[in-house]
């Protein structure tokens, strides 16, 4: 879809140059029309992507149900002392304790590395989290596909164990 937008913008630029060179306003209006068409394509693409993300059906809905069940079971267990690294409290009262990194099994890593399931990241923090993670709830988060989070250098949180949970959900869905 972005290629279509790029072609429309390049064509609009070409028409603009032609309008300036020839002094014909028709070419300028054509440039404007192509620019508006590019904007419409971008908005439609954005709406389609957002709609796909919100309208979860079929196996994906089962994945969310399984993910929620597994994540809530993990979130209810008390974190052990090894799951957090000591850092001083911030002046604003928010916890600066950074969760430790999940010790991901190699098989889980291979599964998770190709997934597009969304995880949450916190700006200037090294870990990615499941939406159910208690630590992440206390911070402003940004959603990213787990594959992209890994590519950007984020590592999994030891409190909510996103790699183990996502790999389990993926294997469960494949087994059905």
N, C-alpha and C. Protein backbone atom coordinates (compact mmCIF):
# COMPACT_ATOMS: atom_id res chain seq x y z
N UNK A 1 0.82 -1.18 0.00
CA UNK A 1 0.00 0.00 0.00
C UNK A 1 0.87 1.26 0.00
N UNK A 2 1.98 1.22 0.70
CA UNK A 2 2.86 2.39 0.73
C UNK A 2 3.49 2.65 -0.63
N UNK A 3 3.65 1.60 -1.42
CA UNK A 3 4.18 1.79 -2.77
C UNK A 3 3.19 2.58 -3.63
N UNK A 4 1.91 2.32 -3.45
CA UNK A 4 0.89 3.06 -4.18
C UNK A 4 0.95 4.53 -3.80
N UNK A 5 1.09 4.80 -2.50
CA UNK A 5 1.19 6.18 -2.03
C UNK A 5 2.44 6.84 -2.61
N UNK A 6 3.55 6.12 -2.60
CA UNK A 6 4.78 6.67 -3.16
C UNK A 6 4.62 7.01 -4.63
N UNK A 7 4.00 6.12 -5.39
CA UNK A 7 3.78 6.38 -6.82
C UNK A 7 2.87 7.59 -7.03
N UNK A 8 1.82 7.71 -6.21
CA UNK A 8 0.92 8.86 -6.32
C UNK A 8 1.64 10.16 -6.00
N UNK A 9 2.47 10.15 -4.99
CA UNK A 9 3.21 11.37 -4.61
C UNK A 9 4.21 11.73 -5.71
N UNK A 10 4.91 10.75 -6.25
CA UNK A 10 5.86 11.02 -7.33
C UNK A 10 5.14 11.56 -8.57
N UNK A 11 4.00 10.99 -8.90
CA UNK A 11 3.22 11.49 -10.04
C UNK A 11 2.74 12.91 -9.78
N UNK A 12 2.31 13.19 -8.55
CA UNK A 12 1.87 14.54 -8.19
C UNK A 12 3.02 15.52 -8.32
N UNK A 13 4.20 15.11 -7.91
CA UNK A 13 5.38 15.98 -8.03
C UNK A 13 5.68 16.24 -9.51
N UNK A 14 5.61 15.18 -10.33
CA UNK A 14 5.84 15.35 -11.76
C UNK A 14 4.85 16.32 -12.39
N UNK A 15 3.58 16.21 -12.03
CA UNK A 15 2.57 17.13 -12.55
C UNK A 15 2.82 18.55 -12.07
N UNK A 16 3.29 18.71 -10.85
CA UNK A 16 3.60 20.03 -10.32
C UNK A 16 4.74 20.67 -11.11
N UNK A 17 5.76 19.89 -11.39
CA UNK A 17 6.88 20.41 -12.19
C UNK A 17 6.39 20.79 -13.58
N UNK A 18 5.55 19.93 -14.17
CA UNK A 18 4.99 20.21 -15.50
C UNK A 18 4.15 21.47 -15.46
N UNK A 19 3.36 21.66 -14.40
CA UNK A 19 2.53 22.86 -14.28
C UNK A 19 3.39 24.11 -14.17
N UNK A 20 4.47 24.04 -13.41
CA UNK A 20 5.36 25.19 -13.27
C UNK A 20 6.08 25.49 -14.58
N UNK A 21 6.48 24.46 -15.29
CA UNK A 21 7.21 24.65 -16.54
C UNK A 21 6.30 25.18 -17.65
N UNK A 22 5.06 24.71 -17.70
CA UNK A 22 4.17 25.10 -18.80
C UNK A 22 3.26 26.28 -18.45
N UNK A 23 3.09 26.54 -17.17
CA UNK A 23 2.21 27.62 -16.76
C UNK A 23 0.74 27.26 -16.87
N UNK A 24 0.42 25.97 -17.00
CA UNK A 24 -0.96 25.51 -17.13
C UNK A 24 -1.49 25.10 -15.76
N UNK A 25 -2.61 25.68 -15.38
CA UNK A 25 -3.17 25.38 -14.05
C UNK A 25 -3.80 23.99 -13.99
N UNK A 26 -4.16 23.44 -15.13
CA UNK A 26 -4.75 22.10 -15.15
C UNK A 26 -3.80 21.06 -14.58
N UNK A 27 -2.52 21.18 -14.92
CA UNK A 27 -1.52 20.25 -14.38
C UNK A 27 -1.39 20.42 -12.86
N UNK A 28 -1.46 21.66 -12.40
CA UNK A 28 -1.37 21.92 -10.95
C UNK A 28 -2.54 21.28 -10.21
N UNK A 29 -3.77 21.41 -10.80
CA UNK A 29 -4.93 20.78 -10.17
C UNK A 29 -4.81 19.26 -10.20
N UNK A 30 -4.22 18.73 -11.25
CA UNK A 30 -3.97 17.28 -11.31
C UNK A 30 -3.01 16.85 -10.20
N UNK A 31 -2.00 17.69 -9.93
CA UNK A 31 -1.06 17.41 -8.85
C UNK A 31 -1.77 17.40 -7.50
N UNK A 32 -2.66 18.37 -7.32
CA UNK A 32 -3.43 18.45 -6.07
C UNK A 32 -4.31 17.20 -5.93
N UNK A 33 -4.95 16.81 -7.02
CA UNK A 33 -5.84 15.64 -6.98
C UNK A 33 -5.05 14.37 -6.63
N UNK A 34 -3.87 14.20 -7.22
CA UNK A 34 -3.06 13.02 -6.89
C UNK A 34 -2.59 13.05 -5.44
N UNK A 35 -2.27 14.24 -4.92
CA UNK A 35 -1.85 14.36 -3.53
C UNK A 35 -2.99 13.99 -2.58
N UNK A 36 -4.19 14.42 -2.91
CA UNK A 36 -5.37 14.07 -2.10
C UNK A 36 -5.62 12.57 -2.18
N UNK A 37 -5.45 11.99 -3.37
CA UNK A 37 -5.64 10.54 -3.51
C UNK A 37 -4.63 9.79 -2.66
N UNK A 38 -3.38 10.26 -2.61
CA UNK A 38 -2.36 9.63 -1.77
C UNK A 38 -2.76 9.70 -0.30
N UNK A 39 -3.27 10.85 0.12
CA UNK A 39 -3.71 11.00 1.52
C UNK A 39 -4.87 10.05 1.83
N UNK A 40 -5.80 9.91 0.90
CA UNK A 40 -6.94 9.02 1.10
C UNK A 40 -6.47 7.57 1.22
N UNK A 41 -5.52 7.17 0.38
CA UNK A 41 -4.99 5.81 0.45
C UNK A 41 -4.31 5.57 1.79
N UNK A 42 -3.55 6.56 2.29
CA UNK A 42 -2.91 6.41 3.60
C UNK A 42 -3.93 6.24 4.71
N UNK A 43 -4.99 7.05 4.68
CA UNK A 43 -6.03 6.96 5.72
C UNK A 43 -6.75 5.62 5.64
N UNK A 44 -7.06 5.17 4.43
CA UNK A 44 -7.73 3.87 4.28
C UNK A 44 -6.83 2.74 4.78
N UNK A 45 -5.54 2.81 4.48
CA UNK A 45 -4.61 1.79 4.94
C UNK A 45 -4.53 1.79 6.47
N UNK A 46 -4.46 2.98 7.05
CA UNK A 46 -4.42 3.09 8.51
C UNK A 46 -5.69 2.49 9.13
N UNK A 47 -6.85 2.82 8.55
CA UNK A 47 -8.11 2.31 9.09
C UNK A 47 -8.19 0.79 8.95
N UNK A 48 -7.71 0.27 7.82
CA UNK A 48 -7.74 -1.19 7.63
C UNK A 48 -6.84 -1.89 8.63
N UNK A 49 -5.66 -1.34 8.86
CA UNK A 49 -4.74 -1.95 9.84
C UNK A 49 -5.33 -1.90 11.24
N UNK A 50 -5.92 -0.78 11.58
CA UNK A 50 -6.52 -0.65 12.91
C UNK A 50 -7.71 -1.59 13.06
N UNK A 51 -8.51 -1.71 12.00
CA UNK A 51 -9.67 -2.61 12.03
C UNK A 51 -9.25 -4.06 12.20
N UNK A 52 -8.17 -4.46 11.51
CA UNK A 52 -7.68 -5.83 11.65
C UNK A 52 -7.19 -6.09 13.06
N UNK A 53 -6.58 -5.10 13.66
CA UNK A 53 -6.05 -5.27 15.01
C UNK A 53 -7.18 -5.38 16.04
N UNK A 54 -8.27 -4.62 15.82
CA UNK A 54 -9.36 -4.62 16.79
C UNK A 54 -10.38 -5.72 16.56
N UNK A 55 -10.59 -6.10 15.31
CA UNK A 55 -11.59 -7.12 14.99
C UNK A 55 -10.92 -8.48 14.95
N UNK A 56 -10.78 -9.08 16.10
CA UNK A 56 -10.13 -10.38 16.19
C UNK A 56 -11.19 -11.46 16.12
N UNK A 57 -11.00 -12.38 15.16
CA UNK A 57 -11.98 -13.45 15.01
C UNK A 57 -11.27 -14.77 14.81
N UNK A 58 -12.03 -15.84 14.90
CA UNK A 58 -11.51 -17.18 14.59
C UNK A 58 -10.40 -17.61 15.52
N UNK A 59 -9.34 -18.22 14.97
CA UNK A 59 -8.25 -18.75 15.79
C UNK A 59 -7.56 -17.67 16.60
N UNK A 60 -7.54 -16.44 16.06
CA UNK A 60 -6.89 -15.36 16.80
C UNK A 60 -7.64 -15.06 18.09
N UNK A 61 -8.97 -15.17 18.05
CA UNK A 61 -9.75 -14.93 19.25
C UNK A 61 -9.44 -16.00 20.29
N UNK A 62 -9.31 -17.24 19.83
CA UNK A 62 -8.93 -18.31 20.77
C UNK A 62 -7.55 -18.03 21.34
N UNK A 63 -6.66 -17.49 20.53
CA UNK A 63 -5.31 -17.18 21.01
C UNK A 63 -5.38 -16.15 22.12
N UNK A 64 -6.23 -15.12 21.95
CA UNK A 64 -6.37 -14.12 23.00
C UNK A 64 -6.92 -14.73 24.27
N UNK A 65 -7.89 -15.64 24.16
CA UNK A 65 -8.47 -16.28 25.32
C UNK A 65 -7.43 -17.12 26.05
N UNK A 66 -6.68 -17.92 25.29
CA UNK A 66 -5.64 -18.74 25.90
C UNK A 66 -4.56 -17.86 26.50
N UNK A 67 -4.16 -16.81 25.76
CA UNK A 67 -3.14 -15.90 26.24
C UNK A 67 -3.57 -15.22 27.54
N UNK A 68 -4.83 -14.76 27.58
CA UNK A 68 -5.33 -14.13 28.80
C UNK A 68 -5.33 -15.10 29.97
N UNK A 69 -5.74 -16.34 29.73
CA UNK A 69 -5.79 -17.33 30.80
C UNK A 69 -4.39 -17.65 31.32
N UNK A 70 -3.45 -17.86 30.40
CA UNK A 70 -2.08 -18.18 30.82
C UNK A 70 -1.44 -16.98 31.49
N UNK A 71 -1.65 -15.79 30.93
CA UNK A 71 -1.04 -14.59 31.48
C UNK A 71 -1.60 -14.26 32.86
N UNK A 72 -2.91 -14.42 33.03
CA UNK A 72 -3.49 -14.12 34.33
C UNK A 72 -3.03 -15.12 35.39
N UNK A 73 -2.82 -16.35 34.98
CA UNK A 73 -2.29 -17.34 35.93
C UNK A 73 -0.88 -16.96 36.34
N UNK A 74 -0.09 -16.48 35.37
CA UNK A 74 1.28 -16.06 35.69
C UNK A 74 1.31 -14.77 36.48
N UNK A 75 0.34 -13.88 36.22
CA UNK A 75 0.33 -12.59 36.91
C UNK A 75 -0.09 -12.73 38.36
N UNK A 76 -0.86 -13.77 38.68
CA UNK A 76 -1.33 -13.95 40.04
C UNK A 76 -0.28 -14.55 40.95
N UNK A 77 0.73 -15.16 40.39
CA UNK A 77 1.78 -15.74 41.22
C UNK A 77 2.71 -14.63 41.70
N UNK A 78 3.20 -14.78 42.89
CA UNK A 78 4.07 -13.76 43.47
C UNK A 78 5.44 -13.82 42.82
N UNK A 79 6.02 -12.66 42.46
CA UNK A 79 7.34 -12.66 41.85
C UNK A 79 8.40 -13.03 42.88
N UNK A 80 9.39 -13.78 42.44
CA UNK A 80 10.46 -14.12 43.36
C UNK A 80 11.49 -13.00 43.38
N UNK A 81 12.40 -13.04 44.35
CA UNK A 81 13.38 -11.98 44.51
C UNK A 81 14.32 -11.88 43.33
N UNK A 82 14.55 -12.96 42.61
CA UNK A 82 15.46 -12.93 41.47
C UNK A 82 14.83 -12.27 40.26
N UNK A 83 13.52 -12.04 40.31
CA UNK A 83 12.84 -11.48 39.15
C UNK A 83 13.00 -9.97 39.03
N UNK A 84 13.53 -9.31 40.03
CA UNK A 84 13.74 -7.87 39.92
C UNK A 84 15.16 -7.52 40.31
N UNK A 85 15.67 -6.49 39.65
CA UNK A 85 16.99 -5.99 39.97
C UNK A 85 16.82 -4.74 40.82
N UNK A 86 17.61 -4.59 41.85
CA UNK A 86 17.45 -3.46 42.76
C UNK A 86 17.88 -2.17 42.08
N UNK A 87 17.00 -1.17 42.14
CA UNK A 87 17.28 0.18 41.71
C UNK A 87 16.60 1.09 42.70
N UNK A 88 17.11 2.27 42.92
CA UNK A 88 16.48 3.17 43.88
C UNK A 88 15.13 3.65 43.37
N UNK A 89 14.27 4.03 44.33
CA UNK A 89 12.98 4.59 43.97
C UNK A 89 13.18 5.96 43.36
N UNK A 90 12.32 6.34 42.41
CA UNK A 90 12.42 7.65 41.79
C UNK A 90 11.80 8.69 42.70
N UNK A 91 12.07 9.96 42.41
CA UNK A 91 11.52 11.05 43.20
C UNK A 91 10.00 11.14 43.05
N UNK A 92 9.48 10.74 41.89
CA UNK A 92 8.04 10.84 41.66
C UNK A 92 7.27 9.72 42.36
N UNK A 93 7.96 8.77 42.98
CA UNK A 93 7.29 7.69 43.68
C UNK A 93 7.11 6.45 42.83
N UNK A 94 7.30 6.55 41.54
CA UNK A 94 7.19 5.38 40.67
C UNK A 94 8.37 4.47 40.88
N UNK A 95 8.11 3.22 40.79
CA UNK A 95 9.16 2.23 40.98
C UNK A 95 10.15 2.29 39.83
N UNK A 96 11.43 2.31 40.17
CA UNK A 96 12.46 2.28 39.14
C UNK A 96 13.06 0.88 39.06
N UNK A 97 12.51 -0.05 39.85
CA UNK A 97 13.04 -1.42 39.80
C UNK A 97 12.73 -2.01 38.44
N UNK A 98 13.77 -2.44 37.80
CA UNK A 98 13.63 -3.04 36.47
C UNK A 98 13.51 -4.55 36.63
N UNK A 99 12.50 -5.17 36.02
CA UNK A 99 12.42 -6.63 36.10
C UNK A 99 13.64 -7.27 35.44
N UNK A 100 14.00 -8.41 35.94
CA UNK A 100 15.12 -9.14 35.35
C UNK A 100 14.70 -9.67 33.98
N UNK A 101 15.66 -10.18 33.24
CA UNK A 101 15.38 -10.73 31.93
C UNK A 101 14.94 -12.19 32.05
N UNK A 102 13.89 -12.54 31.31
CA UNK A 102 13.41 -13.92 31.28
C UNK A 102 14.49 -14.82 30.67
N UNK A 103 14.70 -15.97 31.28
CA UNK A 103 15.63 -16.95 30.74
C UNK A 103 14.86 -17.78 29.71
N UNK A 104 14.93 -17.36 28.46
CA UNK A 104 14.12 -17.97 27.40
C UNK A 104 14.76 -19.24 26.89
N UNK A 105 13.95 -20.28 26.80
CA UNK A 105 14.36 -21.55 26.23
C UNK A 105 14.64 -21.34 24.73
N UNK A 106 15.63 -22.03 24.18
CA UNK A 106 16.01 -21.86 22.77
C UNK A 106 14.84 -22.20 21.84
N UNK A 107 14.07 -23.22 22.17
CA UNK A 107 12.93 -23.60 21.34
C UNK A 107 11.87 -22.49 21.35
N UNK A 108 11.64 -21.90 22.52
CA UNK A 108 10.68 -20.79 22.62
C UNK A 108 11.18 -19.58 21.83
N UNK A 109 12.47 -19.33 21.89
CA UNK A 109 13.05 -18.20 21.18
C UNK A 109 12.83 -18.33 19.68
N UNK A 110 12.99 -19.54 19.15
CA UNK A 110 12.77 -19.76 17.72
C UNK A 110 11.32 -19.49 17.33
N UNK A 111 10.38 -19.87 18.20
CA UNK A 111 8.96 -19.64 17.92
C UNK A 111 8.66 -18.15 18.00
N UNK A 112 9.10 -17.50 19.06
CA UNK A 112 8.76 -16.10 19.32
C UNK A 112 9.40 -15.16 18.30
N UNK A 113 10.56 -15.49 17.80
CA UNK A 113 11.28 -14.61 16.88
C UNK A 113 10.50 -14.31 15.61
N UNK A 114 9.56 -15.16 15.24
CA UNK A 114 8.78 -14.93 14.03
C UNK A 114 7.36 -14.47 14.26
N UNK A 115 6.96 -14.27 15.51
CA UNK A 115 5.57 -13.90 15.81
C UNK A 115 5.33 -12.40 15.65
N UNK A 116 4.09 -12.06 15.37
CA UNK A 116 3.71 -10.65 15.26
C UNK A 116 2.77 -10.24 16.39
N UNK A 117 2.60 -11.09 17.40
CA UNK A 117 1.77 -10.75 18.56
C UNK A 117 2.34 -9.50 19.22
N UNK A 118 1.44 -8.65 19.72
CA UNK A 118 1.91 -7.41 20.32
C UNK A 118 2.32 -7.61 21.77
N UNK A 119 3.42 -6.96 22.11
CA UNK A 119 3.90 -6.87 23.48
C UNK A 119 4.02 -5.38 23.80
N UNK A 120 4.26 -5.07 25.05
CA UNK A 120 4.39 -3.68 25.47
C UNK A 120 5.83 -3.36 25.82
N UNK A 121 6.29 -2.19 25.41
CA UNK A 121 7.61 -1.72 25.79
C UNK A 121 7.47 -0.38 26.48
N UNK A 122 8.43 -0.07 27.33
CA UNK A 122 8.46 1.20 28.04
C UNK A 122 9.67 1.95 27.52
N UNK A 123 9.46 3.21 27.16
CA UNK A 123 10.53 4.03 26.61
C UNK A 123 11.74 4.06 27.55
N UNK A 124 12.89 3.83 27.00
CA UNK A 124 14.17 3.85 27.71
C UNK A 124 14.29 2.74 28.76
N UNK A 125 13.55 1.67 28.58
CA UNK A 125 13.65 0.48 29.43
C UNK A 125 13.94 -0.72 28.54
N UNK A 126 14.73 -1.68 29.00
CA UNK A 126 15.18 -2.76 28.12
C UNK A 126 14.22 -3.93 27.93
N UNK A 127 13.13 -4.01 28.68
CA UNK A 127 12.29 -5.20 28.64
C UNK A 127 11.01 -4.99 27.83
N UNK A 128 10.46 -6.10 27.31
CA UNK A 128 9.11 -6.07 26.76
C UNK A 128 8.23 -6.95 27.62
N UNK A 129 6.93 -6.62 27.63
CA UNK A 129 6.00 -7.21 28.60
C UNK A 129 4.70 -7.63 27.94
N UNK A 130 3.98 -8.53 28.60
CA UNK A 130 2.61 -8.86 28.22
C UNK A 130 1.69 -7.77 28.75
N UNK A 131 0.52 -7.57 28.15
CA UNK A 131 -0.41 -6.57 28.67
C UNK A 131 -0.82 -6.81 30.11
N UNK A 132 -0.73 -8.03 30.60
CA UNK A 132 -1.14 -8.34 31.97
C UNK A 132 -0.03 -8.10 32.99
N UNK A 133 1.14 -7.67 32.57
CA UNK A 133 2.27 -7.50 33.48
C UNK A 133 2.03 -6.37 34.48
N UNK A 134 2.13 -6.69 35.75
CA UNK A 134 1.91 -5.69 36.80
C UNK A 134 2.92 -4.55 36.72
N UNK A 135 4.18 -4.86 36.40
CA UNK A 135 5.21 -3.83 36.32
C UNK A 135 4.90 -2.86 35.19
N UNK A 136 4.47 -3.37 34.05
CA UNK A 136 4.20 -2.52 32.89
C UNK A 136 2.98 -1.63 33.12
N UNK A 137 2.04 -2.08 33.95
CA UNK A 137 0.85 -1.27 34.22
C UNK A 137 1.18 0.04 34.92
N UNK A 138 2.30 0.09 35.59
CA UNK A 138 2.70 1.30 36.33
C UNK A 138 3.44 2.30 35.45
N UNK A 139 3.64 1.98 34.18
CA UNK A 139 4.43 2.83 33.30
C UNK A 139 3.68 3.09 32.00
N UNK A 140 4.04 4.17 31.33
CA UNK A 140 3.48 4.46 30.01
C UNK A 140 4.12 3.49 29.01
N UNK A 141 3.28 2.74 28.29
CA UNK A 141 3.80 1.71 27.39
C UNK A 141 3.44 2.00 25.94
N UNK A 142 4.17 1.34 25.05
CA UNK A 142 3.90 1.41 23.62
C UNK A 142 3.81 -0.02 23.09
N UNK A 143 2.78 -0.33 22.29
CA UNK A 143 2.67 -1.69 21.74
C UNK A 143 3.60 -1.87 20.54
N UNK A 144 4.22 -3.03 20.45
CA UNK A 144 5.08 -3.40 19.32
C UNK A 144 4.89 -4.89 19.05
N UNK A 145 5.03 -5.31 17.80
CA UNK A 145 5.07 -6.76 17.55
C UNK A 145 6.31 -7.34 18.23
N UNK A 146 6.18 -8.53 18.80
CA UNK A 146 7.28 -9.12 19.56
C UNK A 146 8.53 -9.28 18.68
N UNK A 147 8.33 -9.61 17.41
CA UNK A 147 9.47 -9.75 16.49
C UNK A 147 10.23 -8.42 16.39
N UNK A 148 9.49 -7.32 16.25
CA UNK A 148 10.12 -6.00 16.14
C UNK A 148 10.79 -5.60 17.46
N UNK A 149 10.15 -5.91 18.57
CA UNK A 149 10.73 -5.59 19.87
C UNK A 149 12.09 -6.28 20.03
N UNK A 150 12.15 -7.54 19.63
CA UNK A 150 13.42 -8.29 19.70
C UNK A 150 14.46 -7.68 18.77
N UNK A 151 14.04 -7.31 17.55
CA UNK A 151 14.96 -6.71 16.59
C UNK A 151 15.53 -5.39 17.10
N UNK A 152 14.73 -4.66 17.87
CA UNK A 152 15.17 -3.38 18.43
C UNK A 152 16.03 -3.55 19.68
N UNK A 153 16.21 -4.79 20.14
CA UNK A 153 17.08 -5.04 21.28
C UNK A 153 16.39 -5.20 22.61
N UNK A 154 15.05 -5.17 22.63
CA UNK A 154 14.34 -5.39 23.88
C UNK A 154 14.44 -6.87 24.26
N UNK A 155 14.43 -7.14 25.55
CA UNK A 155 14.51 -8.50 26.05
C UNK A 155 13.26 -8.79 26.89
N UNK A 156 12.89 -10.07 27.06
CA UNK A 156 11.64 -10.40 27.77
C UNK A 156 11.74 -10.19 29.28
N UNK A 157 10.63 -9.81 29.87
CA UNK A 157 10.50 -9.58 31.31
C UNK A 157 10.40 -10.91 32.06
N UNK A 158 11.09 -11.02 33.17
CA UNK A 158 11.05 -12.24 33.96
C UNK A 158 9.76 -12.34 34.80
N UNK A 159 9.06 -11.23 35.00
CA UNK A 159 7.84 -11.26 35.80
C UNK A 159 6.66 -11.86 35.04
N UNK A 160 6.48 -11.42 33.79
CA UNK A 160 5.32 -11.91 33.02
C UNK A 160 5.71 -12.97 31.98
N UNK A 161 6.96 -13.26 31.83
CA UNK A 161 7.52 -14.28 30.92
C UNK A 161 6.83 -14.31 29.55
N UNK A 162 6.95 -13.22 28.78
CA UNK A 162 6.24 -13.16 27.51
C UNK A 162 6.68 -14.23 26.51
N UNK A 163 7.95 -14.57 26.46
CA UNK A 163 8.40 -15.56 25.49
C UNK A 163 7.78 -16.93 25.77
N UNK A 164 7.77 -17.35 27.01
CA UNK A 164 7.20 -18.65 27.36
C UNK A 164 5.69 -18.67 27.08
N UNK A 165 5.00 -17.60 27.44
CA UNK A 165 3.56 -17.53 27.26
C UNK A 165 3.20 -17.52 25.78
N UNK A 166 3.86 -16.65 25.00
CA UNK A 166 3.55 -16.56 23.57
C UNK A 166 3.89 -17.85 22.84
N UNK A 167 5.00 -18.48 23.19
CA UNK A 167 5.37 -19.75 22.56
C UNK A 167 4.35 -20.84 22.90
N UNK A 168 3.89 -20.88 24.14
CA UNK A 168 2.89 -21.86 24.56
C UNK A 168 1.58 -21.65 23.80
N UNK A 169 1.15 -20.40 23.70
CA UNK A 169 -0.09 -20.09 22.98
C UNK A 169 0.05 -20.49 21.51
N UNK A 170 1.18 -20.17 20.90
CA UNK A 170 1.40 -20.50 19.49
C UNK A 170 1.37 -22.01 19.28
N UNK A 171 2.04 -22.75 20.15
CA UNK A 171 2.05 -24.21 20.03
C UNK A 171 0.65 -24.79 20.24
N UNK A 172 -0.11 -24.23 21.17
CA UNK A 172 -1.45 -24.71 21.45
C UNK A 172 -2.35 -24.51 20.23
N UNK A 173 -2.23 -23.35 19.60
CA UNK A 173 -3.05 -23.07 18.42
C UNK A 173 -2.65 -23.94 17.24
N UNK A 174 -1.37 -24.22 17.09
CA UNK A 174 -0.91 -25.08 15.99
C UNK A 174 -1.37 -26.51 16.18
N UNK A 175 -1.51 -26.94 17.44
CA UNK A 175 -1.91 -28.31 17.74
C UNK A 175 -3.39 -28.55 17.43
N UNK A 176 -4.18 -27.49 17.37
CA UNK A 176 -5.63 -27.62 17.13
C UNK A 176 -5.93 -27.93 15.72
